[in-house]
Amino acid sequence: MIYTIIVMGSIYGTENAISAFLFSSFLLKIRKNNINNIFFYCDGVLNGNKMFYIAKDEHNLIDSWYYLSKEFSINLNICSSAAYRRGVIDDDMALDLGFLHGNLHSAFKLTGLGTLVKSIFSSDRVVQF
């Protein structure tokens, strides 16, 4: 079964992002399923902000997404429009705006809704958190 996962919840304030992570981890670890794409939309784009301060006694969800993407070669795609509206920018956009660096974590990639649509069409299931 091929899944597309849509994450719409922020890293803080809701359980959406951690639920999406746990669900995705489970699917991949049982090895009977494949995740085509994990797409972050609306407040979900904040999961890709590397400037969040995470206390040492809290779970670092941003790093967890990173390790999941590396271990299973999963694309972590972020809607560029939603990201820009919420201040999540890559290094290229940062330079255009006069900043030295962006705050987009290296594990995440800015993409458009077209990426999500293609992923949905090639998936058996779409799960939104």
N, C-alpha and C. Protein backbone atom coordinates (compact mmCIF):
# COMPACT_ATOMS: atom_id res chain seq x y z
N MET A 1 0.84 -1.16 0.00
CA MET A 1 0.00 0.00 0.00
C MET A 1 0.90 1.24 0.00
N ILE A 2 0.60 2.19 -0.84
CA ILE A 2 1.39 3.42 -0.96
C ILE A 2 0.59 4.57 -0.35
N TYR A 3 1.24 5.29 0.55
CA TYR A 3 0.59 6.38 1.28
C TYR A 3 1.20 7.73 0.91
N THR A 4 0.37 8.76 0.96
CA THR A 4 0.81 10.15 1.01
C THR A 4 0.35 10.69 2.35
N ILE A 5 1.25 11.32 3.08
CA ILE A 5 0.94 11.87 4.39
C ILE A 5 0.93 13.39 4.27
N ILE A 6 -0.13 14.03 4.76
CA ILE A 6 -0.23 15.49 4.78
C ILE A 6 -0.22 15.94 6.24
N VAL A 7 0.73 16.79 6.59
CA VAL A 7 0.86 17.29 7.96
C VAL A 7 0.45 18.76 7.95
N MET A 8 -0.63 19.08 8.67
CA MET A 8 -1.13 20.45 8.71
C MET A 8 -0.97 21.10 10.08
N GLY A 9 -0.52 20.33 11.05
CA GLY A 9 -0.39 20.86 12.41
C GLY A 9 1.02 21.32 12.71
N SER A 10 1.10 22.38 13.49
CA SER A 10 2.38 22.95 13.89
C SER A 10 3.15 21.98 14.78
N ILE A 11 4.42 22.26 14.92
CA ILE A 11 5.27 21.43 15.77
C ILE A 11 4.84 21.56 17.24
N TYR A 12 4.28 22.68 17.63
CA TYR A 12 3.78 22.90 18.98
C TYR A 12 2.30 23.26 18.94
N GLY A 13 1.59 22.94 20.00
CA GLY A 13 0.21 23.39 20.15
C GLY A 13 -0.84 22.39 19.74
N THR A 14 -0.48 21.41 18.91
CA THR A 14 -1.42 20.36 18.51
C THR A 14 -0.69 19.03 18.52
N GLU A 15 -1.44 17.98 18.44
CA GLU A 15 -0.85 16.64 18.37
C GLU A 15 -0.70 16.16 16.92
N ASN A 16 -1.10 16.99 15.97
CA ASN A 16 -1.10 16.57 14.56
C ASN A 16 0.27 16.12 14.08
N ALA A 17 1.29 16.91 14.34
CA ALA A 17 2.62 16.61 13.80
C ALA A 17 3.21 15.36 14.43
N ILE A 18 3.11 15.22 15.74
CA ILE A 18 3.67 14.03 16.39
C ILE A 18 2.89 12.79 15.99
N SER A 19 1.57 12.93 15.84
CA SER A 19 0.75 11.79 15.39
C SER A 19 1.15 11.37 13.97
N ALA A 20 1.38 12.35 13.11
CA ALA A 20 1.81 12.06 11.74
C ALA A 20 3.17 11.36 11.74
N PHE A 21 4.07 11.82 12.59
CA PHE A 21 5.38 11.20 12.68
C PHE A 21 5.28 9.75 13.16
N LEU A 22 4.53 9.52 14.23
CA LEU A 22 4.39 8.17 14.77
C LEU A 22 3.72 7.23 13.77
N PHE A 23 2.69 7.72 13.09
CA PHE A 23 2.01 6.92 12.08
C PHE A 23 2.97 6.57 10.94
N SER A 24 3.69 7.56 10.46
CA SER A 24 4.65 7.35 9.37
C SER A 24 5.74 6.37 9.78
N SER A 25 6.27 6.54 10.98
CA SER A 25 7.32 5.64 11.47
C SER A 25 6.82 4.21 11.53
N PHE A 26 5.60 4.03 12.03
CA PHE A 26 5.03 2.69 12.13
C PHE A 26 4.88 2.06 10.74
N LEU A 27 4.32 2.83 9.80
CA LEU A 27 4.14 2.29 8.45
C LEU A 27 5.45 1.83 7.84
N LEU A 28 6.48 2.62 8.02
CA LEU A 28 7.77 2.30 7.41
C LEU A 28 8.48 1.15 8.11
N LYS A 29 8.32 1.08 9.42
CA LYS A 29 9.04 0.04 10.17
C LYS A 29 8.44 -1.34 10.00
N ILE A 30 7.16 -1.44 9.70
CA ILE A 30 6.59 -2.77 9.47
C ILE A 30 6.90 -3.27 8.06
N ARG A 31 7.40 -2.37 7.22
CA ARG A 31 7.92 -2.69 5.89
C ARG A 31 6.90 -3.32 4.94
N LYS A 32 5.64 -3.19 5.23
CA LYS A 32 4.61 -3.69 4.31
C LYS A 32 4.01 -2.54 3.51
N ASN A 33 4.40 -1.34 3.85
CA ASN A 33 3.84 -0.16 3.22
C ASN A 33 4.96 0.75 2.75
N ASN A 34 4.59 1.68 1.90
CA ASN A 34 5.54 2.66 1.38
C ASN A 34 4.90 4.04 1.50
N ILE A 35 5.71 5.02 1.84
CA ILE A 35 5.22 6.40 1.87
C ILE A 35 5.81 7.10 0.66
N ASN A 36 4.93 7.57 -0.18
CA ASN A 36 5.30 8.25 -1.41
C ASN A 36 5.84 9.65 -1.12
N ASN A 37 5.21 10.32 -0.15
CA ASN A 37 5.52 11.72 0.09
C ASN A 37 4.98 12.11 1.45
N ILE A 38 5.73 12.91 2.20
CA ILE A 38 5.21 13.57 3.39
C ILE A 38 5.20 15.05 3.05
N PHE A 39 4.00 15.62 3.03
CA PHE A 39 3.81 17.00 2.58
C PHE A 39 3.33 17.85 3.75
N PHE A 40 4.03 18.93 4.02
CA PHE A 40 3.71 19.83 5.12
C PHE A 40 3.01 21.06 4.56
N TYR A 41 1.83 21.35 5.10
CA TYR A 41 0.98 22.41 4.56
C TYR A 41 0.39 23.22 5.71
N CYS A 42 -0.02 24.44 5.44
CA CYS A 42 -0.56 25.35 6.47
C CYS A 42 0.46 25.46 7.61
N ASP A 43 0.00 25.36 8.87
CA ASP A 43 0.93 25.48 10.00
C ASP A 43 1.91 24.32 10.08
N GLY A 44 1.65 23.27 9.34
CA GLY A 44 2.58 22.13 9.30
C GLY A 44 3.96 22.50 8.79
N VAL A 45 4.05 23.58 8.02
CA VAL A 45 5.36 24.00 7.49
C VAL A 45 6.32 24.38 8.61
N LEU A 46 5.79 24.70 9.78
CA LEU A 46 6.65 25.08 10.90
C LEU A 46 7.50 23.91 11.40
N ASN A 47 7.15 22.69 11.00
CA ASN A 47 7.97 21.53 11.33
C ASN A 47 9.34 21.61 10.66
N GLY A 48 9.48 22.41 9.63
CA GLY A 48 10.75 22.56 8.92
C GLY A 48 11.57 23.76 9.34
N ASN A 49 11.15 24.46 10.38
CA ASN A 49 11.87 25.65 10.85
C ASN A 49 12.98 25.22 11.80
N LYS A 50 14.22 25.31 11.35
CA LYS A 50 15.35 24.87 12.17
C LYS A 50 15.67 25.83 13.31
N MET A 51 15.02 26.98 13.35
CA MET A 51 15.30 27.97 14.39
C MET A 51 14.47 27.77 15.66
N PHE A 52 13.59 26.78 15.67
CA PHE A 52 12.83 26.50 16.90
C PHE A 52 13.79 26.05 17.98
N TYR A 53 13.62 26.61 19.18
CA TYR A 53 14.41 26.15 20.31
C TYR A 53 13.65 25.00 20.97
N ILE A 54 14.28 23.86 21.07
CA ILE A 54 13.68 22.69 21.69
C ILE A 54 14.43 22.44 23.00
N ALA A 55 13.71 22.47 24.10
CA ALA A 55 14.34 22.21 25.40
C ALA A 55 14.90 20.79 25.42
N LYS A 56 15.96 20.60 26.19
CA LYS A 56 16.64 19.30 26.21
C LYS A 56 15.76 18.18 26.76
N ASP A 57 14.76 18.52 27.56
CA ASP A 57 13.89 17.48 28.12
C ASP A 57 12.64 17.24 27.26
N GLU A 58 12.60 17.84 26.07
CA GLU A 58 11.47 17.65 25.16
C GLU A 58 11.92 16.86 23.93
N HIS A 59 10.96 16.19 23.33
CA HIS A 59 11.22 15.43 22.10
C HIS A 59 11.47 16.41 20.95
N ASN A 60 12.57 16.22 20.23
CA ASN A 60 12.90 17.08 19.11
C ASN A 60 12.29 16.49 17.83
N LEU A 61 11.09 16.93 17.51
CA LEU A 61 10.37 16.39 16.36
C LEU A 61 11.05 16.74 15.04
N ILE A 62 11.67 17.90 14.96
CA ILE A 62 12.35 18.30 13.73
C ILE A 62 13.47 17.30 13.41
N ASP A 63 14.27 16.97 14.41
CA ASP A 63 15.33 15.97 14.20
C ASP A 63 14.75 14.59 13.90
N SER A 64 13.63 14.28 14.51
CA SER A 64 12.99 12.98 14.24
C SER A 64 12.56 12.87 12.78
N TRP A 65 11.98 13.94 12.24
CA TRP A 65 11.62 13.95 10.81
C TRP A 65 12.88 13.76 9.97
N TYR A 66 13.95 14.44 10.35
CA TYR A 66 15.22 14.34 9.61
C TYR A 66 15.72 12.89 9.57
N TYR A 67 15.77 12.25 10.74
CA TYR A 67 16.28 10.88 10.80
C TYR A 67 15.37 9.91 10.05
N LEU A 68 14.07 10.13 10.12
CA LEU A 68 13.13 9.28 9.38
C LEU A 68 13.36 9.40 7.87
N SER A 69 13.55 10.64 7.42
CA SER A 69 13.76 10.86 5.98
C SER A 69 15.07 10.22 5.51
N LYS A 70 16.09 10.28 6.34
CA LYS A 70 17.38 9.68 5.98
C LYS A 70 17.32 8.16 6.00
N GLU A 71 16.72 7.60 7.03
CA GLU A 71 16.69 6.14 7.17
C GLU A 71 15.89 5.47 6.06
N PHE A 72 14.77 6.11 5.65
CA PHE A 72 13.88 5.47 4.69
C PHE A 72 13.84 6.18 3.34
N SER A 73 14.69 7.17 3.13
CA SER A 73 14.75 7.94 1.88
C SER A 73 13.38 8.51 1.50
N ILE A 74 12.78 9.20 2.45
CA ILE A 74 11.46 9.81 2.27
C ILE A 74 11.65 11.30 2.02
N ASN A 75 10.89 11.83 1.06
CA ASN A 75 10.92 13.27 0.79
C ASN A 75 10.04 14.00 1.81
N LEU A 76 10.60 15.03 2.40
CA LEU A 76 9.86 15.91 3.30
C LEU A 76 9.61 17.21 2.54
N ASN A 77 8.46 17.33 1.93
CA ASN A 77 8.14 18.49 1.09
C ASN A 77 7.30 19.49 1.85
N ILE A 78 7.66 20.75 1.69
CA ILE A 78 6.96 21.85 2.35
C ILE A 78 6.37 22.75 1.29
N CYS A 79 5.11 23.12 1.48
CA CYS A 79 4.46 24.06 0.56
C CYS A 79 5.17 25.41 0.66
N SER A 80 5.73 25.86 -0.44
CA SER A 80 6.50 27.11 -0.43
C SER A 80 5.65 28.32 -0.07
N SER A 81 4.44 28.40 -0.60
CA SER A 81 3.58 29.56 -0.30
C SER A 81 3.23 29.62 1.18
N ALA A 82 2.86 28.48 1.75
CA ALA A 82 2.52 28.44 3.17
C ALA A 82 3.76 28.74 4.02
N ALA A 83 4.91 28.27 3.58
CA ALA A 83 6.15 28.51 4.32
C ALA A 83 6.50 30.00 4.33
N TYR A 84 6.44 30.63 3.17
CA TYR A 84 6.78 32.05 3.09
C TYR A 84 5.85 32.90 3.95
N ARG A 85 4.57 32.54 3.99
CA ARG A 85 3.61 33.29 4.81
C ARG A 85 3.91 33.15 6.30
N ARG A 86 4.58 32.09 6.66
CA ARG A 86 4.87 31.83 8.07
C ARG A 86 6.34 32.08 8.41
N GLY A 87 7.07 32.69 7.50
CA GLY A 87 8.45 33.07 7.77
C GLY A 87 9.46 31.96 7.66
N VAL A 88 9.11 30.85 7.01
CA VAL A 88 10.06 29.76 6.80
C VAL A 88 10.63 29.93 5.40
N ILE A 89 11.94 30.23 5.33
CA ILE A 89 12.56 30.53 4.03
C ILE A 89 13.86 29.75 3.89
N ASP A 90 14.20 29.44 2.65
CA ASP A 90 15.48 28.77 2.38
C ASP A 90 16.57 29.82 2.22
N ASP A 91 17.80 29.37 2.03
CA ASP A 91 18.94 30.30 1.94
C ASP A 91 18.83 31.24 0.74
N ASP A 92 18.33 30.75 -0.39
CA ASP A 92 18.19 31.59 -1.58
C ASP A 92 17.21 32.74 -1.34
N MET A 93 16.07 32.42 -0.75
CA MET A 93 15.08 33.46 -0.46
C MET A 93 15.61 34.43 0.59
N ALA A 94 16.36 33.91 1.56
CA ALA A 94 16.93 34.77 2.59
C ALA A 94 17.87 35.80 1.98
N LEU A 95 18.71 35.38 1.05
CA LEU A 95 19.62 36.32 0.40
C LEU A 95 18.85 37.37 -0.39
N ASP A 96 17.78 36.95 -1.07
CA ASP A 96 16.94 37.90 -1.81
C ASP A 96 16.32 38.94 -0.89
N LEU A 97 16.04 38.54 0.34
CA LEU A 97 15.40 39.44 1.31
C LEU A 97 16.42 40.21 2.15
N GLY A 98 17.71 39.96 1.93
CA GLY A 98 18.74 40.69 2.66
C GLY A 98 19.21 40.02 3.94
N PHE A 99 18.88 38.76 4.13
CA PHE A 99 19.35 38.01 5.29
C PHE A 99 20.51 37.12 4.88
N LEU A 100 21.33 36.74 5.85
CA LEU A 100 22.46 35.88 5.54
C LEU A 100 22.07 34.42 5.35
N HIS A 101 21.09 33.95 6.14
CA HIS A 101 20.72 32.54 6.10
C HIS A 101 19.21 32.40 6.23
N GLY A 102 18.71 31.31 5.67
CA GLY A 102 17.31 30.96 5.85
C GLY A 102 17.15 30.10 7.09
N ASN A 103 15.90 29.77 7.39
CA ASN A 103 15.64 28.94 8.57
C ASN A 103 15.01 27.59 8.21
N LEU A 104 15.05 27.22 6.94
CA LEU A 104 14.52 25.93 6.51
C LEU A 104 15.54 24.83 6.82
N HIS A 105 15.12 23.83 7.55
CA HIS A 105 15.99 22.69 7.89
C HIS A 105 16.39 21.98 6.60
N SER A 106 17.61 21.50 6.55
CA SER A 106 18.15 20.89 5.33
C SER A 106 17.42 19.62 4.90
N ALA A 107 16.69 18.98 5.80
CA ALA A 107 15.96 17.75 5.44
C ALA A 107 14.70 18.04 4.65
N PHE A 108 14.24 19.28 4.68
CA PHE A 108 12.97 19.65 4.05
C PHE A 108 13.23 20.37 2.73
N LYS A 109 12.29 20.21 1.81
CA LYS A 109 12.41 20.81 0.49
C LYS A 109 11.17 21.65 0.20
N LEU A 110 11.37 22.88 -0.25
CA LEU A 110 10.25 23.73 -0.65
C LEU A 110 9.72 23.28 -2.00
N THR A 111 8.43 23.03 -2.06
CA THR A 111 7.78 22.61 -3.31
C THR A 111 6.42 23.28 -3.40
N GLY A 112 5.74 23.04 -4.49
CA GLY A 112 4.40 23.58 -4.68
C GLY A 112 3.33 22.52 -4.50
N LEU A 113 2.10 22.96 -4.63
CA LEU A 113 0.97 22.03 -4.49
C LEU A 113 0.95 20.99 -5.61
N GLY A 114 1.58 21.29 -6.73
CA GLY A 114 1.67 20.32 -7.82
C GLY A 114 2.34 19.03 -7.37
N THR A 115 3.34 19.14 -6.51
CA THR A 115 4.01 17.96 -5.96
C THR A 115 3.03 17.12 -5.15
N LEU A 116 2.19 17.79 -4.38
CA LEU A 116 1.18 17.07 -3.59
C LEU A 116 0.18 16.37 -4.50
N VAL A 117 -0.28 17.06 -5.52
CA VAL A 117 -1.26 16.48 -6.44
C VAL A 117 -0.70 15.24 -7.13
N LYS A 118 0.53 15.32 -7.62
CA LYS A 118 1.16 14.15 -8.26
C LYS A 118 1.28 12.99 -7.28
N SER A 119 1.63 13.31 -6.06
CA SER A 119 1.77 12.27 -5.05
C SER A 119 0.44 11.61 -4.74
N ILE A 120 -0.62 12.40 -4.65
CA ILE A 120 -1.95 11.86 -4.36
C ILE A 120 -2.38 10.91 -5.46
N PHE A 121 -2.15 11.29 -6.71
CA PHE A 121 -2.56 10.45 -7.84
C PHE A 121 -1.81 9.12 -7.89
N SER A 122 -0.61 9.08 -7.35
CA SER A 122 0.17 7.85 -7.39
C SER A 122 0.12 7.07 -6.07
N SER A 123 -0.80 7.44 -5.18
CA SER A 123 -0.93 6.77 -3.88
C SER A 123 -2.23 5.98 -3.79
N ASP A 124 -2.20 4.97 -2.93
CA ASP A 124 -3.42 4.21 -2.64
C ASP A 124 -4.24 4.88 -1.54
N ARG A 125 -3.55 5.53 -0.61
CA ARG A 125 -4.21 6.18 0.52
C ARG A 125 -3.56 7.54 0.77
N VAL A 126 -4.39 8.49 1.20
CA VAL A 126 -3.91 9.80 1.64
C VAL A 126 -4.40 9.99 3.07
N VAL A 127 -3.48 10.29 3.97
CA VAL A 127 -3.84 10.48 5.38
C VAL A 127 -3.40 11.88 5.77
N GLN A 128 -4.34 12.64 6.32
CA GLN A 128 -4.06 14.03 6.71
C GLN A 128 -4.10 14.16 8.23
N PHE A 129 -3.10 14.83 8.75
CA PHE A 129 -3.02 15.10 10.19
C PHE A 129 -3.05 16.60 10.42
